[in-house]
């Protein structure tokens, strides 16, 4: 078996799979141009989160390509995206006290993990505590919101509803990266140089699927008039 060089893995991660991070914002711009797609009330906030995530992703990738440590930016950018997505998820259902309590607890746990992870891991290492906690929060809330969505009477097909694609994206992202998030710093410390990027390729594949599903959120056609 011919060994794959680290530069090849970096090309796959940053340029092939990583380039799909533009998909949600591109889909949003396309939907604005065409104007025939659904625009639920929570969509503008979600679009803002995607624009911020794209800008942060470009900066994060640029630092990586320049072979400069980029984990300090992850300690800042990822919690901001986490907060934004929690606000979007909250808007999917009715504003009830029970939902406020649930989401407040989720926010508090996430921010506590972000602070504790920065203290324990340091800014030069990946905040594995926060990213793992984030995955668990999204898995829990995504499952709850999916269950609620299935019990609401709606004649629209599930796959024609923007929230379906949002929840599917979050569940795939959270479940697909959970083990990686929990063990990423272990990989960095223990794997030899010619193998260290392989787990990142697997994670990048999940991220690519995540971004494609998020793009579909903006591309759900409006229901045909009867």
Protein backbone atom coordinates (compact mmCIF):
# COMPACT_ATOMS: atom_id res chain seq x y z
CA UNK A 1 0.00 0.00 0.00
CA UNK A 2 1.42 3.37 -1.07
CA UNK A 3 1.52 5.79 1.91
CA UNK A 4 -0.37 9.06 1.46
CA UNK A 5 1.65 12.17 2.19
CA UNK A 6 0.45 14.72 4.79
CA UNK A 7 0.19 17.35 2.03
CA UNK A 8 -2.29 15.15 0.17
CA UNK A 9 -4.41 14.75 3.31
CA UNK A 10 -4.27 18.52 3.84
CA UNK A 11 -5.43 19.08 0.26
CA UNK A 12 -8.37 16.72 0.78
CA UNK A 13 -9.33 18.34 4.10
CA UNK A 14 -8.92 22.01 3.21
CA UNK A 15 -9.67 22.20 -0.52
CA UNK A 16 -11.90 19.26 -1.45
CA UNK A 17 -14.04 18.65 1.63
CA UNK A 18 -13.46 22.00 3.30
CA UNK A 19 -14.65 23.95 0.27
CA UNK A 20 -18.20 22.69 0.93
CA UNK A 21 -18.43 25.10 3.87
CA UNK A 22 -19.58 27.70 1.32
CA UNK A 23 -22.62 25.59 0.36
CA UNK A 24 -25.10 27.02 2.94
CA UNK A 25 -24.32 30.67 2.14
CA UNK A 26 -24.34 29.96 -1.61
CA UNK A 27 -27.74 28.28 -1.23
CA UNK A 28 -29.02 31.25 0.78
CA UNK A 29 -27.95 33.71 -1.92
CA UNK A 30 -29.52 31.52 -4.61
CA UNK A 31 -32.79 31.35 -2.67
CA UNK A 32 -32.82 35.14 -2.36
CA UNK A 33 -32.29 35.53 -6.11
CA UNK A 34 -34.98 33.05 -7.11
CA UNK A 35 -37.46 33.80 -4.34
CA UNK A 36 -39.46 30.61 -4.74
CA UNK A 37 -38.27 28.94 -1.57
CA UNK A 38 -39.75 28.85 1.92
CA UNK A 39 -38.70 31.54 4.39
CA UNK A 40 -39.79 30.62 7.92
CA UNK A 41 -39.42 33.25 10.63
CA UNK A 42 -36.23 31.72 11.99
CA UNK A 43 -34.46 31.62 8.63
CA UNK A 44 -32.84 35.10 8.75
CA UNK A 45 -31.17 34.30 12.08
CA UNK A 46 -30.04 30.95 10.72
CA UNK A 47 -28.63 32.67 7.64
CA UNK A 48 -26.69 35.07 9.86
CA UNK A 49 -25.22 32.15 11.78
CA UNK A 50 -24.14 30.54 8.51
CA UNK A 51 -22.48 33.72 7.27
CA UNK A 52 -20.56 34.02 10.54
CA UNK A 53 -19.60 30.33 10.43
CA UNK A 54 -18.35 30.66 6.85
CA UNK A 55 -16.24 33.74 7.68
CA UNK A 56 -14.83 31.98 10.72
CA UNK A 57 -14.22 28.79 8.74
CA UNK A 58 -12.27 30.66 6.08
CA UNK A 59 -10.11 32.36 8.70
CA UNK A 60 -9.63 29.06 10.57
CA UNK A 61 -8.61 27.26 7.36
CA UNK A 62 -6.30 30.09 6.30
CA UNK A 63 -4.38 29.78 9.55
CA UNK A 64 -4.14 26.00 9.05
CA UNK A 65 -2.86 26.36 5.48
CA UNK A 66 -0.26 28.85 6.75
CA UNK A 67 0.71 26.18 9.32
CA UNK A 68 -0.17 28.49 12.19
CA UNK A 69 -2.04 27.38 15.28
CA UNK A 70 -5.75 28.06 14.80
CA UNK A 71 -7.23 26.42 17.88
CA UNK A 72 -7.40 29.70 19.82
CA UNK A 73 -9.94 30.94 17.28
CA UNK A 74 -12.01 27.79 17.74
CA UNK A 75 -12.29 28.62 21.44
CA UNK A 76 -13.98 31.89 20.42
CA UNK A 77 -15.89 31.09 17.22
CA UNK A 78 -17.45 27.73 18.07
CA UNK A 79 -19.30 28.92 21.20
CA UNK A 80 -20.74 31.84 19.21
CA UNK A 81 -22.08 29.45 16.55
CA UNK A 82 -23.38 27.20 19.33
CA UNK A 83 -25.36 30.09 20.84
CA UNK A 84 -26.74 31.07 17.43
CA UNK A 85 -27.91 27.55 16.62
CA UNK A 86 -29.54 27.19 20.03
CA UNK A 87 -31.53 30.36 19.36
CA UNK A 88 -32.58 28.98 15.97
CA UNK A 89 -33.65 25.67 17.47
CA UNK A 90 -35.64 27.47 20.16
CA UNK A 91 -37.60 29.31 17.48
CA UNK A 92 -38.73 26.03 15.89
CA UNK A 93 -41.36 25.54 18.60
CA UNK A 94 -43.70 27.57 20.78
CA UNK A 95 -42.24 29.93 23.37
CA UNK A 96 -43.09 28.02 26.54
CA UNK A 97 -41.57 28.09 30.01
CA UNK A 98 -40.48 24.45 29.74
CA UNK A 99 -38.63 25.18 26.49
CA UNK A 100 -36.98 28.26 27.99
CA UNK A 101 -35.73 26.23 30.93
CA UNK A 102 -34.48 23.41 28.69
CA UNK A 103 -32.61 25.75 26.38
CA UNK A 104 -31.26 27.87 29.23
CA UNK A 105 -29.81 24.73 30.82
CA UNK A 106 -28.34 23.67 27.46
CA UNK A 107 -26.79 27.11 26.98
CA UNK A 108 -25.36 27.15 30.50
CA UNK A 109 -23.86 23.68 30.18
CA UNK A 110 -22.32 24.58 26.81
CA UNK A 111 -20.77 27.83 28.02
CA UNK A 112 -19.50 26.16 31.19
CA UNK A 113 -17.83 23.49 29.04
CA UNK A 114 -16.34 26.19 26.79
CA UNK A 115 -14.78 27.96 29.76
CA UNK A 116 -13.62 24.79 31.48
CA UNK A 117 -12.20 23.39 28.24
CA UNK A 118 -10.21 26.56 27.57
CA UNK A 119 -8.78 26.37 31.09
CA UNK A 120 -7.98 22.64 30.98
CA UNK A 121 -6.79 22.30 27.37
CA UNK A 122 -5.25 25.73 26.86
CA UNK A 123 -5.85 27.92 23.81
CA UNK A 124 -3.27 26.08 21.70
CA UNK A 125 -5.17 22.79 21.85
CA UNK A 126 -8.61 21.90 20.59
CA UNK A 127 -11.40 22.51 23.09
CA UNK A 128 -12.46 18.88 23.13
CA UNK A 129 -14.59 19.32 26.27
CA UNK A 130 -16.75 21.97 24.61
CA UNK A 131 -17.02 20.25 21.23
CA UNK A 132 -18.02 16.99 22.92
CA UNK A 133 -20.59 18.79 25.08
CA UNK A 134 -21.90 20.61 22.01
CA UNK A 135 -22.41 17.31 20.20
CA UNK A 136 -24.32 15.86 23.17
CA UNK A 137 -26.51 18.97 23.42
CA UNK A 138 -27.34 18.93 19.71
CA UNK A 139 -28.06 15.20 19.80
CA UNK A 140 -30.44 15.67 22.73
CA UNK A 141 -32.22 18.78 21.47
CA UNK A 142 -32.30 17.53 17.89
CA UNK A 143 -34.01 14.32 18.99
CA UNK A 144 -36.53 16.26 21.09
CA UNK A 145 -37.32 18.68 18.26
CA UNK A 146 -37.61 15.85 15.74
CA UNK A 147 -40.11 14.08 18.00
CA UNK A 148 -42.09 17.30 18.41
CA UNK A 149 -42.08 17.91 14.66
CA UNK A 150 -43.45 14.42 13.99
CA UNK A 151 -46.35 14.97 16.39
CA UNK A 152 -47.43 18.30 14.89
CA UNK A 153 -50.19 18.00 12.33
CA UNK A 154 -48.87 19.24 9.00
CA UNK A 155 -49.82 18.10 5.52
CA UNK A 156 -46.40 19.08 4.16
CA UNK A 157 -43.99 16.23 3.50
CA UNK A 158 -41.14 16.04 6.01
CA UNK A 159 -38.52 16.45 3.31
CA UNK A 160 -40.22 19.63 2.10
CA UNK A 161 -39.84 21.30 5.50
CA UNK A 162 -36.68 23.38 6.19
CA UNK A 163 -36.57 22.34 9.85
CA UNK A 164 -36.27 18.69 8.82
CA UNK A 165 -33.00 19.37 7.03
CA UNK A 166 -31.71 21.54 9.88
CA UNK A 167 -32.36 18.84 12.45
CA UNK A 168 -30.99 16.11 10.18
CA UNK A 169 -27.81 18.13 9.69
CA UNK A 170 -27.33 18.70 13.42
CA UNK A 171 -27.96 15.06 14.31
CA UNK A 172 -25.54 13.78 11.65
CA UNK A 173 -22.91 16.31 12.69
CA UNK A 174 -23.30 15.64 16.41
CA UNK A 175 -23.36 11.84 16.21
CA UNK A 176 -20.75 11.63 13.45
CA UNK A 177 -18.15 13.75 15.27
CA UNK A 178 -18.83 12.77 18.88
CA UNK A 179 -15.98 10.27 19.23
CA UNK A 180 -13.64 12.50 17.24
CA UNK A 181 -14.45 15.52 19.42
CA UNK A 182 -13.81 13.56 22.60
CA UNK A 183 -10.48 12.13 21.44
CA UNK A 184 -9.08 14.73 19.02
CA UNK A 185 -6.34 15.97 21.37
CA UNK A 186 -5.38 12.35 22.07
CA UNK A 187 -4.89 11.84 18.32
CA UNK A 188 -2.76 14.97 18.11
CA UNK A 189 -0.53 13.84 20.95
CA UNK A 190 -0.11 10.17 20.06
CA UNK A 191 -0.43 9.51 16.32
CA UNK A 192 2.73 9.63 14.18
CA UNK A 193 2.97 12.48 11.64
CA UNK A 194 2.00 10.32 8.65
CA UNK A 195 -1.23 9.20 10.37
CA UNK A 196 -2.26 12.22 12.41
CA UNK A 197 -4.43 13.76 9.69
CA UNK A 198 -6.48 10.63 8.98
CA UNK A 199 -9.01 11.25 11.80
CA UNK A 200 -9.37 14.81 10.48
CA UNK A 201 -10.25 13.45 7.04
CA UNK A 202 -13.04 11.35 8.59
CA UNK A 203 -14.31 14.36 10.53
CA UNK A 204 -14.10 16.55 7.41
CA UNK A 205 -16.33 14.08 5.56
CA UNK A 206 -18.98 14.46 8.27
CA UNK A 207 -18.59 18.25 8.12
CA UNK A 208 -19.06 18.14 4.35
CA UNK A 209 -22.33 16.22 4.72
CA UNK A 210 -23.37 18.66 7.45
CA UNK A 211 -22.84 21.69 5.21
CA UNK A 212 -24.69 20.10 2.29
CA UNK A 213 -27.69 19.36 4.50
CA UNK A 214 -27.62 22.91 5.86
CA UNK A 215 -27.68 24.21 2.30
CA UNK A 216 -30.89 22.27 1.69
CA UNK A 217 -32.53 24.26 4.50
CA UNK A 218 -32.62 27.26 2.15
CA UNK A 219 -33.82 25.28 -0.86
CA UNK A 220 -37.21 23.92 0.20
CA UNK A 221 -39.74 25.06 -2.44
CA UNK A 222 -42.86 26.89 -1.36
CA UNK A 223 -45.96 24.65 -1.31
CA UNK A 224 -47.90 24.66 -4.59
CA UNK A 225 -51.10 26.67 -4.38
CA UNK A 226 -54.24 24.57 -4.52
